Amino acid sequence: MSTGADCHVYEKEAGEWYYDLQEYPYGTTEGYLTEGPFTTYREATKHLHKHHANPGGYGITRLPGCKHDLLSKSSMGEVVCDRCGAFPKEREK
C-alpha cells in the first residue's frame, strides 16, 4: 500500500542524487524532506525504500550523458541503469 506522498528523485550534479519527499499529512502540507546526496540513482531509491513508507511512485530527473555502465534487473525484470535509473530504450535517445 502506498502513502500517495509526492516524491521526486533527481540528479543535481553528475553523481549527486537527492530525493524530495512530501511530509505528512500528505496533500495538506507544503513541506518536503530532502535526502542526499547519494552517488547513484539506485543508492537514493534504496534509501527511500528503506527509511520511508512507499510514496506510490516518483518522478525522476537525470542529467544527460550517463554511460549506462551499472546495469541490473529491476523488480519488474527489466534491465535498468543503477547510475541514472534509465532503461535500455532510453539509452539510444
N, C-alpha and C. Protein backbone atom coordinates (compact mmCIF):
# COMPACT_ATOMS: atom_id res chain seq x y z
N MET A 1 0.85 -1.18 0.00
CA MET A 1 0.00 0.00 0.00
C MET A 1 0.89 1.24 0.00
N SER A 2 0.48 2.25 -0.73
CA SER A 2 1.28 3.46 -0.82
C SER A 2 0.64 4.61 -0.06
N THR A 3 1.48 5.60 0.26
CA THR A 3 1.00 6.76 1.02
C THR A 3 0.38 7.82 0.12
N GLY A 4 0.77 7.85 -1.15
CA GLY A 4 0.31 8.90 -2.05
C GLY A 4 1.09 10.19 -1.89
N ALA A 5 2.19 10.14 -1.13
CA ALA A 5 3.02 11.33 -0.94
C ALA A 5 3.71 11.70 -2.25
N ASP A 6 3.86 12.98 -2.51
CA ASP A 6 4.59 13.46 -3.67
C ASP A 6 6.08 13.19 -3.44
N CYS A 7 6.77 12.67 -4.45
CA CYS A 7 8.18 12.36 -4.31
C CYS A 7 8.87 12.58 -5.65
N HIS A 8 10.08 13.11 -5.59
CA HIS A 8 10.87 13.33 -6.80
C HIS A 8 12.33 12.98 -6.53
N VAL A 9 12.91 12.12 -7.39
CA VAL A 9 14.31 11.73 -7.31
C VAL A 9 15.03 12.47 -8.43
N TYR A 10 16.15 13.13 -8.11
CA TYR A 10 16.81 13.94 -9.13
C TYR A 10 18.32 13.98 -8.94
N GLU A 11 18.99 14.20 -10.07
CA GLU A 11 20.45 14.34 -10.08
C GLU A 11 20.75 15.83 -10.19
N LYS A 12 21.31 16.38 -9.14
CA LYS A 12 21.59 17.82 -9.10
C LYS A 12 22.85 18.16 -9.88
N GLU A 13 23.89 17.35 -9.67
CA GLU A 13 25.14 17.44 -10.43
C GLU A 13 25.54 16.00 -10.73
N ALA A 14 26.49 15.81 -11.64
CA ALA A 14 26.89 14.46 -12.02
C ALA A 14 27.30 13.67 -10.77
N GLY A 15 26.63 12.52 -10.56
CA GLY A 15 26.93 11.67 -9.42
C GLY A 15 26.46 12.21 -8.08
N GLU A 16 25.48 13.11 -8.10
CA GLU A 16 24.95 13.71 -6.87
C GLU A 16 23.43 13.65 -6.90
N TRP A 17 22.88 12.57 -6.36
CA TRP A 17 21.44 12.32 -6.38
C TRP A 17 20.79 12.69 -5.05
N TYR A 18 19.55 13.17 -5.15
CA TYR A 18 18.73 13.55 -3.99
C TYR A 18 17.30 13.07 -4.22
N TYR A 19 16.51 13.10 -3.17
CA TYR A 19 15.06 12.97 -3.36
C TYR A 19 14.36 13.92 -2.40
N ASP A 20 13.24 14.43 -2.87
CA ASP A 20 12.36 15.28 -2.07
C ASP A 20 11.09 14.48 -1.82
N LEU A 21 10.71 14.34 -0.56
CA LEU A 21 9.53 13.56 -0.18
C LEU A 21 8.59 14.45 0.62
N GLN A 22 7.35 14.52 0.16
CA GLN A 22 6.35 15.33 0.84
C GLN A 22 6.16 14.86 2.27
N GLU A 23 6.10 15.80 3.20
CA GLU A 23 5.91 15.49 4.61
C GLU A 23 4.44 15.23 4.92
N TYR A 24 4.20 14.45 5.95
CA TYR A 24 2.85 14.13 6.40
C TYR A 24 2.25 15.33 7.13
N PRO A 25 1.00 15.62 7.05
CA PRO A 25 -0.06 14.93 6.33
C PRO A 25 -0.05 15.31 4.85
N TYR A 26 -0.03 14.29 4.00
CA TYR A 26 0.09 14.46 2.55
C TYR A 26 -1.09 15.22 1.98
N GLY A 27 -0.79 16.16 1.12
CA GLY A 27 -1.83 16.95 0.49
C GLY A 27 -2.27 18.16 1.28
N THR A 28 -1.86 18.24 2.56
CA THR A 28 -2.25 19.40 3.36
C THR A 28 -1.05 20.21 3.84
N THR A 29 0.14 19.76 3.50
CA THR A 29 1.34 20.50 3.89
C THR A 29 2.19 20.77 2.66
N GLU A 30 2.90 21.87 2.69
CA GLU A 30 3.80 22.20 1.58
C GLU A 30 5.23 21.79 1.89
N GLY A 31 5.45 21.18 3.06
CA GLY A 31 6.79 20.80 3.48
C GLY A 31 7.29 19.54 2.81
N TYR A 32 8.59 19.54 2.50
CA TYR A 32 9.25 18.39 1.89
C TYR A 32 10.52 18.08 2.67
N LEU A 33 10.81 16.79 2.77
CA LEU A 33 12.05 16.32 3.34
C LEU A 33 13.00 16.06 2.18
N THR A 34 14.22 16.59 2.24
CA THR A 34 15.22 16.34 1.20
C THR A 34 16.29 15.44 1.78
N GLU A 35 16.60 14.35 1.07
CA GLU A 35 17.64 13.41 1.47
C GLU A 35 18.69 13.35 0.38
N GLY A 36 19.95 13.24 0.77
CA GLY A 36 21.05 13.13 -0.18
C GLY A 36 22.22 13.95 0.30
N PRO A 37 23.31 13.94 -0.39
CA PRO A 37 23.49 13.36 -1.73
C PRO A 37 23.83 11.87 -1.67
N PHE A 38 23.46 11.18 -2.75
CA PHE A 38 23.80 9.79 -2.98
C PHE A 38 24.58 9.74 -4.29
N THR A 39 25.48 8.79 -4.44
CA THR A 39 26.31 8.76 -5.65
C THR A 39 25.63 8.17 -6.87
N THR A 40 24.54 7.40 -6.66
CA THR A 40 23.80 6.83 -7.80
C THR A 40 22.30 6.92 -7.54
N TYR A 41 21.55 6.77 -8.61
CA TYR A 41 20.09 6.69 -8.52
C TYR A 41 19.68 5.53 -7.62
N ARG A 42 20.33 4.38 -7.79
CA ARG A 42 19.98 3.19 -7.01
C ARG A 42 20.19 3.44 -5.51
N GLU A 43 21.28 4.09 -5.13
CA GLU A 43 21.50 4.39 -3.71
C GLU A 43 20.39 5.28 -3.16
N ALA A 44 19.98 6.27 -3.93
CA ALA A 44 18.92 7.18 -3.49
C ALA A 44 17.60 6.43 -3.30
N THR A 45 17.23 5.58 -4.26
CA THR A 45 15.96 4.87 -4.16
C THR A 45 16.00 3.77 -3.09
N LYS A 46 17.17 3.14 -2.90
CA LYS A 46 17.29 2.16 -1.82
C LYS A 46 17.09 2.84 -0.46
N HIS A 47 17.66 4.02 -0.29
CA HIS A 47 17.50 4.77 0.95
C HIS A 47 16.03 5.14 1.15
N LEU A 48 15.39 5.61 0.10
CA LEU A 48 13.97 5.98 0.17
C LEU A 48 13.14 4.79 0.65
N HIS A 49 13.33 3.62 0.04
CA HIS A 49 12.52 2.44 0.37
C HIS A 49 12.85 1.88 1.76
N LYS A 50 14.09 2.04 2.19
CA LYS A 50 14.49 1.51 3.50
C LYS A 50 14.03 2.39 4.66
N HIS A 51 13.96 3.71 4.43
CA HIS A 51 13.70 4.64 5.53
C HIS A 51 12.33 5.31 5.53
N HIS A 52 11.53 5.09 4.49
CA HIS A 52 10.24 5.78 4.39
C HIS A 52 9.17 4.84 3.85
N ALA A 53 7.93 5.15 4.13
CA ALA A 53 6.81 4.39 3.57
C ALA A 53 6.77 4.60 2.06
N ASN A 54 6.22 3.64 1.35
CA ASN A 54 6.13 3.70 -0.11
C ASN A 54 5.28 4.90 -0.54
N PRO A 55 5.89 5.86 -1.30
CA PRO A 55 5.10 7.00 -1.73
C PRO A 55 4.15 6.65 -2.87
N GLY A 56 4.33 5.49 -3.49
CA GLY A 56 3.45 5.10 -4.59
C GLY A 56 3.96 5.53 -5.95
N GLY A 57 5.22 5.87 -6.04
CA GLY A 57 5.83 6.31 -7.29
C GLY A 57 6.55 7.62 -7.09
N TYR A 58 7.35 7.98 -8.08
CA TYR A 58 8.10 9.23 -8.00
C TYR A 58 8.57 9.63 -9.39
N GLY A 59 8.81 10.92 -9.55
CA GLY A 59 9.38 11.43 -10.78
C GLY A 59 10.89 11.32 -10.71
N ILE A 60 11.53 11.23 -11.88
CA ILE A 60 12.99 11.14 -11.95
C ILE A 60 13.50 12.22 -12.91
N THR A 61 14.49 12.99 -12.46
CA THR A 61 15.16 13.95 -13.33
C THR A 61 16.64 13.62 -13.29
N ARG A 62 17.18 13.24 -14.46
CA ARG A 62 18.60 12.89 -14.54
C ARG A 62 19.31 13.84 -15.48
N LEU A 63 20.59 14.01 -15.28
CA LEU A 63 21.40 14.81 -16.19
C LEU A 63 21.74 13.97 -17.42
N PRO A 64 21.95 14.58 -18.57
CA PRO A 64 22.33 13.82 -19.76
C PRO A 64 23.77 13.32 -19.66
N GLY A 65 24.08 12.30 -20.44
CA GLY A 65 25.46 11.86 -20.56
C GLY A 65 25.84 10.62 -19.78
N CYS A 66 24.90 9.92 -19.17
CA CYS A 66 25.23 8.70 -18.44
C CYS A 66 25.70 7.63 -19.42
N LYS A 67 26.73 6.89 -19.05
CA LYS A 67 27.26 5.82 -19.90
C LYS A 67 26.49 4.52 -19.74
N HIS A 68 25.54 4.46 -18.82
CA HIS A 68 24.74 3.27 -18.54
C HIS A 68 25.64 2.05 -18.33
N ASP A 69 26.58 2.21 -17.44
CA ASP A 69 27.56 1.15 -17.19
C ASP A 69 27.27 0.34 -15.92
N LEU A 70 26.22 0.66 -15.20
CA LEU A 70 25.85 -0.10 -13.99
C LEU A 70 24.45 -0.68 -14.20
N LEU A 71 24.36 -1.74 -14.97
CA LEU A 71 23.06 -2.32 -15.31
C LEU A 71 22.70 -3.46 -14.36
N SER A 72 21.41 -3.54 -14.01
CA SER A 72 20.89 -4.63 -13.20
C SER A 72 19.44 -4.85 -13.60
N LYS A 73 18.81 -5.86 -13.01
CA LYS A 73 17.40 -6.14 -13.28
C LYS A 73 16.54 -5.42 -12.25
N SER A 74 15.48 -4.80 -12.72
CA SER A 74 14.53 -4.14 -11.81
C SER A 74 13.63 -5.19 -11.17
N SER A 75 12.83 -4.79 -10.22
CA SER A 75 11.89 -5.72 -9.58
C SER A 75 10.85 -6.24 -10.57
N MET A 76 10.69 -5.55 -11.69
CA MET A 76 9.76 -5.98 -12.74
C MET A 76 10.46 -6.82 -13.81
N GLY A 77 11.76 -7.10 -13.62
CA GLY A 77 12.51 -7.94 -14.55
C GLY A 77 13.10 -7.20 -15.74
N GLU A 78 13.00 -5.88 -15.75
CA GLU A 78 13.56 -5.09 -16.84
C GLU A 78 14.99 -4.67 -16.48
N VAL A 79 15.82 -4.48 -17.49
CA VAL A 79 17.18 -4.01 -17.26
C VAL A 79 17.14 -2.50 -17.03
N VAL A 80 17.80 -2.05 -15.95
CA VAL A 80 17.80 -0.63 -15.59
C VAL A 80 19.23 -0.22 -15.24
N CYS A 81 19.57 1.03 -15.50
CA CYS A 81 20.88 1.57 -15.14
C CYS A 81 20.81 2.05 -13.69
N ASP A 82 21.63 1.44 -12.82
CA ASP A 82 21.64 1.84 -11.41
C ASP A 82 22.20 3.24 -11.22
N ARG A 83 23.05 3.68 -12.14
CA ARG A 83 23.67 5.00 -12.02
C ARG A 83 22.65 6.13 -12.24
N CYS A 84 21.74 5.94 -13.24
CA CYS A 84 20.83 7.05 -13.55
C CYS A 84 19.34 6.67 -13.58
N GLY A 85 19.02 5.38 -13.46
CA GLY A 85 17.62 4.97 -13.45
C GLY A 85 16.99 4.82 -14.81
N ALA A 86 17.77 4.94 -15.88
CA ALA A 86 17.24 4.82 -17.23
C ALA A 86 17.10 3.34 -17.63
N PHE A 87 16.16 3.06 -18.52
CA PHE A 87 16.01 1.73 -19.10
C PHE A 87 16.75 1.71 -20.44
N PRO A 88 17.14 0.52 -20.94
CA PRO A 88 17.94 0.47 -22.17
C PRO A 88 17.34 1.23 -23.34
N LYS A 89 16.02 1.26 -23.46
CA LYS A 89 15.38 2.01 -24.57
C LYS A 89 15.77 3.48 -24.51
N GLU A 90 15.91 4.01 -23.28
CA GLU A 90 16.28 5.42 -23.12
C GLU A 90 17.73 5.66 -23.50
N ARG A 91 18.54 4.60 -23.48
CA ARG A 91 19.97 4.72 -23.78
C ARG A 91 20.20 5.28 -25.18
N GLU A 92 19.34 4.90 -26.11
CA GLU A 92 19.51 5.29 -27.50
C GLU A 92 19.02 6.69 -27.79
N LYS A 93 18.29 7.30 -26.88
CA LYS A 93 17.73 8.64 -27.12
C LYS A 93 18.79 9.71 -26.95
